[in-house]
Amino acid sequence: MAKKFPIHPVHPERICWGCDKYCAADSLMCGNGTVRSMHPVEMFGEDWMEWGSDPDRSDTPATGVTDPARAAEVG
């Protein structure tokens, strides 16, 4: 059974989050790279779980055009 991923760890900088081993930052065992993988809270901030969690909300226009300037042209 997979380990439960901690959403708000106390000291995320002390652990490598690259695999399910959660090694100490100074003793990486998996060989998944030469540096530790950061926890999402370190990269995106405390609200990282809120991003993209609403499947009914779309950040792209209904026209399928992602450039707002072109969306006005398309209609």
PDB file of N, CA and C in Angstrom:
ATOM      1  N   MET A   1       0.832  -1.164   0.000  1.00  0.00           N
ATOM      2  CA  MET A   1       0.000   0.000   0.000  1.00  0.00           C
ATOM      3  C   MET A   1       0.889   1.244   0.000  1.00  0.00           C
ATOM      4  N   ALA A   2       0.549   2.220  -0.810  1.00  0.00           N
ATOM      5  CA  ALA A   2       1.335   3.439  -0.926  1.00  0.00           C
ATOM      6  C   ALA A   2       1.183   4.299   0.323  1.00  0.00           C
ATOM      7  N   LYS A   3       2.254   5.019   0.613  1.00  0.00           N
ATOM      8  CA  LYS A   3       2.211   5.932   1.753  1.00  0.00           C
ATOM      9  C   LYS A   3       1.330   7.123   1.418  1.00  0.00           C
ATOM     10  N   LYS A   4       0.687   7.684   2.433  1.00  0.00           N
ATOM     11  CA  LYS A   4      -0.128   8.870   2.248  1.00  0.00           C
ATOM     12  C   LYS A   4       0.797  10.077   2.105  1.00  0.00           C
ATOM     13  N   PHE A   5       0.581  10.876   1.067  1.00  0.00           N
ATOM     14  CA  PHE A   5       1.434  12.031   0.807  1.00  0.00           C
ATOM     15  C   PHE A   5       1.065  13.165   1.752  1.00  0.00           C
ATOM     16  N   PRO A   6       2.021  13.674   2.543  1.00  0.00           N
ATOM     17  CA  PRO A   6       1.716  14.759   3.465  1.00  0.00           C
ATOM     18  C   PRO A   6       1.453  16.066   2.734  1.00  0.00           C
ATOM     19  N   ILE A   7       0.349  16.720   3.039  1.00  0.00           N
ATOM     20  CA  ILE A   7      -0.034  17.950   2.359  1.00  0.00           C
ATOM     21  C   ILE A   7       0.743  19.146   2.896  1.00  0.00           C
ATOM     22  N   HIS A   8       0.899  19.240   4.204  1.00  0.00           N
ATOM     23  CA  HIS A   8       1.627  20.347   4.834  1.00  0.00           C
ATOM     24  C   HIS A   8       2.659  19.795   5.821  1.00  0.00           C
ATOM     25  N   PRO A   9       3.804  19.292   5.324  1.00  0.00           N
ATOM     26  CA  PRO A   9       4.813  18.766   6.243  1.00  0.00           C
ATOM     27  C   PRO A   9       5.452  19.896   7.049  1.00  0.00           C
ATOM     28  N   VAL A  10       5.932  19.568   8.239  1.00  0.00           N
ATOM     29  CA  VAL A  10       6.513  20.580   9.122  1.00  0.00           C
ATOM     30  C   VAL A  10       7.824  21.125   8.554  1.00  0.00           C
ATOM     31  N   HIS A  11       8.716  20.256   8.102  1.00  0.00           N
ATOM     32  CA  HIS A  11      10.000  20.673   7.540  1.00  0.00           C
ATOM     33  C   HIS A  11      10.197  20.006   6.176  1.00  0.00           C
ATOM     34  N   PRO A  12       9.564  20.514   5.133  1.00  0.00           N
ATOM     35  CA  PRO A  12       9.671  19.861   3.828  1.00  0.00           C
ATOM     36  C   PRO A  12      11.088  19.880   3.262  1.00  0.00           C
ATOM     37  N   GLU A  13      11.909  20.825   3.684  1.00  0.00           N
ATOM     38  CA  GLU A  13      13.271  20.940   3.168  1.00  0.00           C
ATOM     39  C   GLU A  13      14.188  19.817   3.640  1.00  0.00           C
ATOM     40  N   ARG A  14      13.771  19.044   4.609  1.00  0.00           N
ATOM     41  CA  ARG A  14      14.605  17.968   5.150  1.00  0.00           C
ATOM     42  C   ARG A  14      14.428  16.649   4.417  1.00  0.00           C
ATOM     43  N   ILE A  15      13.458  16.567   3.499  1.00  0.00           N
ATOM     44  CA  ILE A  15      13.106  15.300   2.849  1.00  0.00           C
ATOM     45  C   ILE A  15      13.109  15.465   1.334  1.00  0.00           C
ATOM     46  N   CYS A  16      13.486  14.404   0.627  1.00  0.00           N
ATOM     47  CA  CYS A  16      13.360  14.369  -0.831  1.00  0.00           C
ATOM     48  C   CYS A  16      11.994  13.776  -1.152  1.00  0.00           C
ATOM     49  N   TRP A  17      11.224  14.454  -1.990  1.00  0.00           N
ATOM     50  CA  TRP A  17       9.862  14.028  -2.302  1.00  0.00           C
ATOM     51  C   TRP A  17       9.765  13.367  -3.670  1.00  0.00           C
ATOM     52  N   GLY A  18      10.884  12.904  -4.237  1.00  0.00           N
ATOM     53  CA  GLY A  18      10.918  12.368  -5.588  1.00  0.00           C
ATOM     54  C   GLY A  18      10.316  10.989  -5.766  1.00  0.00           C
ATOM     55  N   CYS A  19      10.189  10.204  -4.718  1.00  0.00           N
ATOM     56  CA  CYS A  19       9.578   8.879  -4.815  1.00  0.00           C
ATOM     57  C   CYS A  19       8.907   8.566  -3.486  1.00  0.00           C
ATOM     58  N   ASP A  20       8.471   7.351  -3.296  1.00  0.00           N
ATOM     59  CA  ASP A  20       7.761   7.026  -2.055  1.00  0.00           C
ATOM     60  C   ASP A  20       8.678   6.602  -0.915  1.00  0.00           C
ATOM     61  N   LYS A  21      10.004   6.741  -1.089  1.00  0.00           N
ATOM     62  CA  LYS A  21      10.931   6.406  -0.006  1.00  0.00           C
ATOM     63  C   LYS A  21      11.082   7.556   0.987  1.00  0.00           C
ATOM     64  N   TYR A  22      10.870   8.795   0.525  1.00  0.00           N
ATOM     65  CA  TYR A  22      10.977   9.989   1.375  1.00  0.00           C
ATOM     66  C   TYR A  22      12.287   9.996   2.158  1.00  0.00           C
ATOM     67  N   CYS A  23      13.402   9.924   1.431  1.00  0.00           N
ATOM     68  CA  CYS A  23      14.731   9.903   2.050  1.00  0.00           C
ATOM     69  C   CYS A  23      15.077  11.259   2.654  1.00  0.00           C
ATOM     70  N   ALA A  24      16.006  11.231   3.604  1.00  0.00           N
ATOM     71  CA  ALA A  24      16.547  12.481   4.131  1.00  0.00           C
ATOM     72  C   ALA A  24      17.264  13.201   3.001  1.00  0.00           C
ATOM     73  N   ALA A  25      17.281  14.515   3.034  1.00  0.00           N
ATOM     74  CA  ALA A  25      17.840  15.315   1.943  1.00  0.00           C
ATOM     75  C   ALA A  25      19.319  15.040   1.694  1.00  0.00           C
ATOM     76  N   ASP A  26      20.018  14.541   2.692  1.00  0.00           N
ATOM     77  CA  ASP A  26      21.451  14.277   2.513  1.00  0.00           C
ATOM     78  C   ASP A  26      21.776  12.805   2.280  1.00  0.00           C
ATOM     79  N   SER A  27      20.782  11.946   2.117  1.00  0.00           N
ATOM     80  CA  SER A  27      21.042  10.523   1.858  1.00  0.00           C
ATOM     81  C   SER A  27      20.022   9.958   0.873  1.00  0.00           C
ATOM     82  N   LEU A  28      20.106  10.399  -0.380  1.00  0.00           N
ATOM     83  CA  LEU A  28      19.161   9.961  -1.401  1.00  0.00           C
ATOM     84  C   LEU A  28      19.503   8.542  -1.840  1.00  0.00           C
ATOM     85  N   MET A  29      18.545   7.625  -1.713  1.00  0.00           N
ATOM     86  CA  MET A  29      18.798   6.221  -2.010  1.00  0.00           C
ATOM     87  C   MET A  29      18.274   5.771  -3.365  1.00  0.00           C
ATOM     88  N   CYS A  30      17.306   6.459  -3.944  1.00  0.00           N
ATOM     89  CA  CYS A  30      16.658   5.938  -5.137  1.00  0.00           C
ATOM     90  C   CYS A  30      17.449   6.203  -6.422  1.00  0.00           C
ATOM     91  N   GLY A  31      18.375   7.128  -6.408  1.00  0.00           N
ATOM     92  CA  GLY A  31      19.114   7.449  -7.616  1.00  0.00           C
ATOM     93  C   GLY A  31      18.257   8.169  -8.634  1.00  0.00           C
ATOM     94  N   ASN A  32      17.203   8.820  -8.187  1.00  0.00           N
ATOM     95  CA  ASN A  32      16.272   9.512  -9.063  1.00  0.00           C
ATOM     96  C   ASN A  32      16.801  10.890  -9.472  1.00  0.00           C
ATOM     97  N   GLY A  33      18.076  11.083  -9.396  1.00  0.00           N
ATOM     98  CA  GLY A  33      18.688  12.370  -9.710  1.00  0.00           C
ATOM     99  C   GLY A  33      19.775  12.662  -8.703  1.00  0.00           C
ATOM    100  N   THR A  34      20.418  13.777  -8.870  1.00  0.00           N
ATOM    101  CA  THR A  34      21.517  14.101  -7.962  1.00  0.00           C
ATOM    102  C   THR A  34      21.123  15.099  -6.902  1.00  0.00           C
ATOM    103  N   VAL A  35      19.945  15.684  -7.016  1.00  0.00           N
ATOM    104  CA  VAL A  35      19.464  16.637  -6.020  1.00  0.00           C
ATOM    105  C   VAL A  35      18.086  16.196  -5.537  1.00  0.00           C
ATOM    106  N   ARG A  36      17.692  16.698  -4.405  1.00  0.00           N
ATOM    107  CA  ARG A  36      16.397  16.321  -3.849  1.00  0.00           C
ATOM    108  C   ARG A  36      15.261  16.983  -4.617  1.00  0.00           C
ATOM    109  N   SER A  37      14.152  16.287  -4.686  1.00  0.00           N
ATOM    110  CA  SER A  37      12.928  16.840  -5.284  1.00  0.00           C
ATOM    111  C   SER A  37      12.190  17.620  -4.218  1.00  0.00           C
ATOM    112  N   MET A  38      11.795  18.834  -4.561  1.00  0.00           N
ATOM    113  CA  MET A  38      11.117  19.690  -3.596  1.00  0.00           C
ATOM    114  C   MET A  38       9.652  19.295  -3.447  1.00  0.00           C
ATOM    115  N   HIS A  39       9.109  19.571  -2.287  1.00  0.00           N
ATOM    116  CA  HIS A  39       7.692  19.369  -2.019  1.00  0.00           C
ATOM    117  C   HIS A  39       6.921  20.484  -2.727  1.00  0.00           C
ATOM    118  N   PRO A  40       5.717  20.227  -3.212  1.00  0.00           N
ATOM    119  CA  PRO A  40       4.935  21.274  -3.885  1.00  0.00           C
ATOM    120  C   PRO A  40       4.729  22.530  -3.054  1.00  0.00           C
ATOM    121  N   VAL A  41       4.650  22.407  -1.738  1.00  0.00           N
ATOM    122  CA  VAL A  41       4.463  23.590  -0.892  1.00  0.00           C
ATOM    123  C   VAL A  41       5.683  24.508  -0.974  1.00  0.00           C
ATOM    124  N   GLU A  42       6.871  23.951  -1.240  1.00  0.00           N
ATOM    125  CA  GLU A  42       8.077  24.756  -1.384  1.00  0.00           C
ATOM    126  C   GLU A  42       8.082  25.506  -2.708  1.00  0.00           C
ATOM    127  N   MET A  43       7.520  24.907  -3.733  1.00  0.00           N
ATOM    128  CA  MET A  43       7.536  25.521  -5.062  1.00  0.00           C
ATOM    129  C   MET A  43       6.359  26.455  -5.305  1.00  0.00           C
ATOM    130  N   PHE A  44       5.168  26.071  -4.839  1.00  0.00           N
ATOM    131  CA  PHE A  44       3.952  26.797  -5.199  1.00  0.00           C
ATOM    132  C   PHE A  44       3.285  27.536  -4.043  1.00  0.00           C
ATOM    133  N   GLY A  45       3.744  27.325  -2.814  1.00  0.00           N
ATOM    134  CA  GLY A  45       3.167  28.011  -1.671  1.00  0.00           C
ATOM    135  C   GLY A  45       2.147  27.161  -0.932  1.00  0.00           C
ATOM    136  N   GLU A  46       1.635  27.728   0.144  1.00  0.00           N
ATOM    137  CA  GLU A  46       0.721  27.005   1.025  1.00  0.00           C
ATOM    138  C   GLU A  46      -0.587  26.585   0.354  1.00  0.00           C
ATOM    139  N   ASP A  47      -1.004  27.290  -0.695  1.00  0.00           N
ATOM    140  CA  ASP A  47      -2.278  26.983  -1.342  1.00  0.00           C
ATOM    141  C   ASP A  47      -2.125  26.066  -2.559  1.00  0.00           C
ATOM    142  N   TRP A  48      -1.066  25.289  -2.614  1.00  0.00           N
ATOM    143  CA  TRP A  48      -0.798  24.464  -3.791  1.00  0.00           C
ATOM    144  C   TRP A  48      -1.891  23.438  -4.057  1.00  0.00           C
ATOM    145  N   MET A  49      -2.590  23.002  -3.041  1.00  0.00           N
ATOM    146  CA  MET A  49      -3.651  22.010  -3.241  1.00  0.00           C
ATOM    147  C   MET A  49      -4.898  22.611  -3.886  1.00  0.00           C
ATOM    148  N   GLU A  50      -5.039  23.923  -3.833  1.00  0.00           N
ATOM    149  CA  GLU A  50      -6.212  24.592  -4.392  1.00  0.00           C
ATOM    150  C   GLU A  50      -6.137  24.742  -5.908  1.00  0.00           C
ATOM    151  N   TRP A  51      -4.952  24.683  -6.466  1.00  0.00           N
ATOM    152  CA  TRP A  51      -4.763  24.896  -7.902  1.00  0.00           C
ATOM    153  C   TRP A  51      -5.330  23.742  -8.708  1.00  0.00           C
ATOM    154  N   GLY A  52      -6.224  24.015  -9.586  1.00  0.00           N
ATOM    155  CA  GLY A  52      -6.737  23.005 -10.507  1.00  0.00           C
ATOM    156  C   GLY A  52      -7.583  21.924  -9.873  1.00  0.00           C
ATOM    157  N   SER A  53      -8.059  22.140  -8.682  1.00  0.00           N
ATOM    158  CA  SER A  53      -8.819  21.089  -8.024  1.00  0.00           C
ATOM    159  C   SER A  53     -10.322  21.159  -8.318  1.00  0.00           C
ATOM    160  N   ASP A  54     -10.753  22.129  -9.105  1.00  0.00           N
ATOM    161  CA  ASP A  54     -12.160  22.260  -9.442  1.00  0.00           C
ATOM    162  C   ASP A  54     -12.372  21.808 -10.890  1.00  0.00           C
ATOM    163  N   PRO A  55     -12.849  20.586 -11.114  1.00  0.00           N
ATOM    164  CA  PRO A  55     -12.970  20.087 -12.484  1.00  0.00           C
ATOM    165  C   PRO A  55     -14.032  20.812 -13.306  1.00  0.00           C
ATOM    166  N   ASP A  56     -14.967  21.502 -12.657  1.00  0.00           N
ATOM    167  CA  ASP A  56     -16.013  22.215 -13.393  1.00  0.00           C
ATOM    168  C   ASP A  56     -15.550  23.578 -13.879  1.00  0.00           C
ATOM    169  N   ARG A  57     -14.449  24.060 -13.321  1.00  0.00           N
ATOM    170  CA  ARG A  57     -13.952  25.382 -13.698  1.00  0.00           C
ATOM    171  C   ARG A  57     -12.921  25.227 -14.803  1.00  0.00           C
ATOM    172  N   SER A  58     -13.052  26.033 -15.836  1.00  0.00           N
ATOM    173  CA  SER A  58     -12.104  26.004 -16.944  1.00  0.00           C
ATOM    174  C   SER A  58     -11.405  27.348 -17.044  1.00  0.00           C
ATOM    175  N   ASP A  59     -10.077  27.327 -17.158  1.00  0.00           N
ATOM    176  CA  ASP A  59      -9.315  28.566 -17.298  1.00  0.00           C
ATOM    177  C   ASP A  59      -9.174  28.985 -18.757  1.00  0.00           C
ATOM    178  N   THR A  60      -9.630  28.143 -19.688  1.00  0.00           N
ATOM    179  CA  THR A  60      -9.551  28.493 -21.107  1.00  0.00           C
ATOM    180  C   THR A  60     -10.915  28.944 -21.584  1.00  0.00           C
ATOM    181  N   PRO A  61     -10.953  29.840 -22.550  1.00  0.00           N
ATOM    182  CA  PRO A  61     -12.247  30.290 -23.078  1.00  0.00           C
ATOM    183  C   PRO A  61     -12.999  29.148 -23.755  1.00  0.00           C
ATOM    184  N   ALA A  62     -14.300  29.291 -23.846  1.00  0.00           N
ATOM    185  CA  ALA A  62     -15.129  28.252 -24.455  1.00  0.00           C
ATOM    186  C   ALA A  62     -14.824  28.072 -25.932  1.00  0.00           C
ATOM    187  N   THR A  63     -14.196  29.068 -26.557  1.00  0.00           N
ATOM    188  CA  THR A  63     -13.872  28.983 -27.976  1.00  0.00           C
ATOM    189  C   THR A  63     -12.688  28.065 -28.235  1.00  0.00           C
ATOM    190  N   GLY A  64     -11.941  27.736 -27.177  1.00  0.00           N
ATOM    191  CA  GLY A  64     -10.768  26.892 -27.350  1.00  0.00           C
ATOM    192  C   GLY A  64      -9.520  27.697 -27.660  1.00  0.00           C
ATOM    193  N   VAL A  65      -9.639  29.004 -27.771  1.00  0.00           N
ATOM    194  CA  VAL A  65      -8.501  29.863 -28.044  1.00  0.00           C
ATOM    195  C   VAL A  65      -7.921  30.294 -26.709  1.00  0.00           C
ATOM    196  N   THR A  66      -6.616  30.053 -26.521  1.00  0.00           N
ATOM    197  CA  THR A  66      -6.005  30.359 -25.237  1.00  0.00           C
ATOM    198  C   THR A  66      -5.457  31.781 -25.167  1.00  0.00           C
ATOM    199  N   ASP A  67      -5.272  32.461 -26.297  1.00  0.00           N
ATOM    200  CA  ASP A  67      -4.761  33.826 -26.316  1.00  0.00           C
ATOM    201  C   ASP A  67      -5.949  34.795 -26.209  1.00  0.00           C
ATOM    202  N   PRO A  68      -6.031  35.611 -25.149  1.00  0.00           N
ATOM    203  CA  PRO A  68      -7.170  36.506 -24.982  1.00  0.00           C
ATOM    204  C   PRO A  68      -7.334  37.494 -26.142  1.00  0.00           C
ATOM    205  N   ALA A  69      -6.242  37.919 -26.764  1.00  0.00           N
ATOM    206  CA  ALA A  69      -6.334  38.843 -27.892  1.00  0.00           C
ATOM    207  C   ALA A  69      -7.028  38.162 -29.088  1.00  0.00           C
ATOM    208  N   ARG A  70      -6.717  36.901 -29.316  1.00  0.00           N
ATOM    209  CA  ARG A  70      -7.330  36.162 -30.424  1.00  0.00           C
ATOM    210  C   ARG A  70      -8.758  35.748 -30.101  1.00  0.00           C
ATOM    211  N   ALA A  71      -9.091  35.590 -28.824  1.00  0.00           N
ATOM    212  CA  ALA A  71     -10.441  35.207 -28.449  1.00  0.00           C
ATOM    213  C   ALA A  71     -11.446  36.262 -28.900  1.00  0.00           C
ATOM    214  N   ALA A  72     -11.047  37.527 -28.887  1.00  0.00           N
ATOM    215  CA  ALA A  72     -11.928  38.608 -29.344  1.00  0.00           C
ATOM    216  C   ALA A  72     -12.153  38.501 -30.860  1.00  0.00           C
ATOM    217  N   GLU A  73     -11.104  38.045 -31.575  1.00  0.00           N
ATOM    218  CA  GLU A  73     -11.231  37.899 -33.032  1.00  0.00           C
ATOM    219  C   GLU A  73     -12.173  36.759 -33.396  1.00  0.00           C
ATOM    220  N   VAL A  74     -12.066  35.660 -32.641  1.00  0.00           N
ATOM    221  CA  VAL A  74     -12.838  34.451 -32.941  1.00  0.00           C
ATOM    222  C   VAL A  74     -14.313  34.679 -32.640  1.00  0.00           C
ATOM    223  N   GLY A  75     -14.564  35.400 -31.562  1.00  0.00           N
ATOM    224  CA  GLY A  75     -15.969  35.689 -31.276  1.00  0.00           C
ATOM    225  C   GLY A  75     -16.353  35.205 -29.983  1.00  0.00           C
TER     226      GLY A  75
END
